[in-house]
């Protein structure tokens, strides 16, 4: 499983990288529900492991973000190239 997370929502604490995404309480967008379902699946079936693509937002102050660039970038590779 692969999820895209925003770069500015990561924090380094005690040598660990912690993700603080936007609050999910009351967020009824289909993507949020799907994210929770996919993370639960990864927890139950994949030992809690998943791949992350880190996205950099063009503007972090807008409600609907647009990706400026993301990491990792592997030009010419498809999902099987992971």
C-alpha atoms as a PDB file:
ATOM      1  CA  UNK A   1       0.000   0.000   0.000  1.00  0.00           C
ATOM      2  CA  UNK A   2       1.175   3.528  -0.781  1.00  0.00           C
ATOM      3  CA  UNK A   3      -0.044   6.783   0.792  1.00  0.00           C
ATOM      4  CA  UNK A   4       0.847  10.371  -0.026  1.00  0.00           C
ATOM      5  CA  UNK A   5       1.622  12.593   2.972  1.00  0.00           C
ATOM      6  CA  UNK A   6       2.452  16.328   3.088  1.00  0.00           C
ATOM      7  CA  UNK A   7       6.055  17.264   3.871  1.00  0.00           C
ATOM      8  CA  UNK A   8       5.156  20.191   6.163  1.00  0.00           C
ATOM      9  CA  UNK A   9       3.100  17.899   8.413  1.00  0.00           C
ATOM     10  CA  UNK A  10       6.130  15.857   9.528  1.00  0.00           C
ATOM     11  CA  UNK A  11       8.031  16.619  12.728  1.00  0.00           C
ATOM     12  CA  UNK A  12      11.280  15.145  14.039  1.00  0.00           C
ATOM     13  CA  UNK A  13      11.011  14.225  17.738  1.00  0.00           C
ATOM     14  CA  UNK A  14      13.415  12.129  19.825  1.00  0.00           C
ATOM     15  CA  UNK A  15      15.111  10.795  16.701  1.00  0.00           C
ATOM     16  CA  UNK A  16      11.810   9.724  15.161  1.00  0.00           C
ATOM     17  CA  UNK A  17       9.803  11.171  12.312  1.00  0.00           C
ATOM     18  CA  UNK A  18       6.208  11.885  13.404  1.00  0.00           C
ATOM     19  CA  UNK A  19       3.376  12.779  11.031  1.00  0.00           C
ATOM     20  CA  UNK A  20       0.772  15.293  12.176  1.00  0.00           C
ATOM     21  CA  UNK A  21      -1.791  15.399   9.403  1.00  0.00           C
ATOM     22  CA  UNK A  22      -4.769  17.668   9.333  1.00  0.00           C
ATOM     23  CA  UNK A  23      -7.518  16.860  11.869  1.00  0.00           C
ATOM     24  CA  UNK A  24      -9.815  14.086  10.707  1.00  0.00           C
ATOM     25  CA  UNK A  25     -12.655  14.706  13.153  1.00  0.00           C
ATOM     26  CA  UNK A  26     -15.679  15.815  11.175  1.00  0.00           C
ATOM     27  CA  UNK A  27     -13.871  15.437   7.843  1.00  0.00           C
ATOM     28  CA  UNK A  28     -16.338  13.564   5.643  1.00  0.00           C
ATOM     29  CA  UNK A  29     -14.422  13.722   2.367  1.00  0.00           C
ATOM     30  CA  UNK A  30     -14.216  10.276   0.686  1.00  0.00           C
ATOM     31  CA  UNK A  31     -10.406  10.376   0.677  1.00  0.00           C
ATOM     32  CA  UNK A  32     -10.201  10.556   4.474  1.00  0.00           C
ATOM     33  CA  UNK A  33     -12.421   7.514   4.975  1.00  0.00           C
ATOM     34  CA  UNK A  34     -10.432   5.607   2.348  1.00  0.00           C
ATOM     35  CA  UNK A  35      -7.146   6.561   4.053  1.00  0.00           C
ATOM     36  CA  UNK A  36      -8.358   5.233   7.412  1.00  0.00           C
ATOM     37  CA  UNK A  37      -9.607   2.007   5.806  1.00  0.00           C
ATOM     38  CA  UNK A  38      -6.295   1.518   3.969  1.00  0.00           C
ATOM     39  CA  UNK A  39      -4.209   2.180   7.086  1.00  0.00           C
ATOM     40  CA  UNK A  40      -6.362  -0.309   9.033  1.00  0.00           C
ATOM     41  CA  UNK A  41      -5.784  -2.869   6.264  1.00  0.00           C
ATOM     42  CA  UNK A  42      -2.018  -2.281   6.394  1.00  0.00           C
ATOM     43  CA  UNK A  43      -2.103  -2.689  10.180  1.00  0.00           C
ATOM     44  CA  UNK A  44      -4.055  -5.954  10.013  1.00  0.00           C
ATOM     45  CA  UNK A  45      -2.502  -7.568   6.921  1.00  0.00           C
ATOM     46  CA  UNK A  46       0.919  -5.992   6.346  1.00  0.00           C
ATOM     47  CA  UNK A  47       2.363  -5.711   9.833  1.00  0.00           C
ATOM     48  CA  UNK A  48       1.475  -2.017   9.846  1.00  0.00           C
ATOM     49  CA  UNK A  49       3.891  -1.285   7.005  1.00  0.00           C
ATOM     50  CA  UNK A  50       3.198   0.862   3.965  1.00  0.00           C
ATOM     51  CA  UNK A  51       5.097   3.002   1.472  1.00  0.00           C
ATOM     52  CA  UNK A  52       5.005   6.794   1.665  1.00  0.00           C
ATOM     53  CA  UNK A  53       5.258   9.385  -1.059  1.00  0.00           C
ATOM     54  CA  UNK A  54       6.101  12.766   0.456  1.00  0.00           C
ATOM     55  CA  UNK A  55       4.370  15.647  -1.314  1.00  0.00           C
ATOM     56  CA  UNK A  56       5.478  19.281  -1.175  1.00  0.00           C
ATOM     57  CA  UNK A  57       2.538  21.693  -1.434  1.00  0.00           C
ATOM     58  CA  UNK A  58       2.628  24.756  -3.669  1.00  0.00           C
ATOM     59  CA  UNK A  59       1.013  26.591  -0.743  1.00  0.00           C
ATOM     60  CA  UNK A  60       0.564  25.169   2.759  1.00  0.00           C
ATOM     61  CA  UNK A  61      -2.015  27.790   3.730  1.00  0.00           C
ATOM     62  CA  UNK A  62      -4.782  26.725   1.332  1.00  0.00           C
ATOM     63  CA  UNK A  63      -7.511  24.222   2.139  1.00  0.00           C
ATOM     64  CA  UNK A  64      -7.221  22.401  -1.211  1.00  0.00           C
ATOM     65  CA  UNK A  65      -3.543  21.741  -1.697  1.00  0.00           C
ATOM     66  CA  UNK A  66      -1.780  21.288  -5.013  1.00  0.00           C
ATOM     67  CA  UNK A  67       1.379  19.185  -5.290  1.00  0.00           C
ATOM     68  CA  UNK A  68       4.467  21.171  -6.276  1.00  0.00           C
ATOM     69  CA  UNK A  69       6.720  18.096  -6.286  1.00  0.00           C
ATOM     70  CA  UNK A  70       6.997  14.787  -4.498  1.00  0.00           C
ATOM     71  CA  UNK A  71       9.571  12.236  -3.352  1.00  0.00           C
ATOM     72  CA  UNK A  72      10.617   9.680  -4.332  1.00  0.00           C
ATOM     73  CA  UNK A  73      10.547  10.488  -8.005  1.00  0.00           C
ATOM     74  CA  UNK A  74      11.435   7.635 -10.313  1.00  0.00           C
ATOM     75  CA  UNK A  75      10.913   8.723 -13.876  1.00  0.00           C
ATOM     76  CA  UNK A  76       9.974   5.883 -16.189  1.00  0.00           C
ATOM     77  CA  UNK A  77       8.978   3.480 -13.381  1.00  0.00           C
ATOM     78  CA  UNK A  78       5.510   2.183 -12.704  1.00  0.00           C
ATOM     79  CA  UNK A  79       4.081   0.763  -9.468  1.00  0.00           C
ATOM     80  CA  UNK A  80       5.820  -2.565 -10.141  1.00  0.00           C
ATOM     81  CA  UNK A  81       9.158  -0.750  -9.951  1.00  0.00           C
ATOM     82  CA  UNK A  82       8.802  -0.059  -6.244  1.00  0.00           C
END
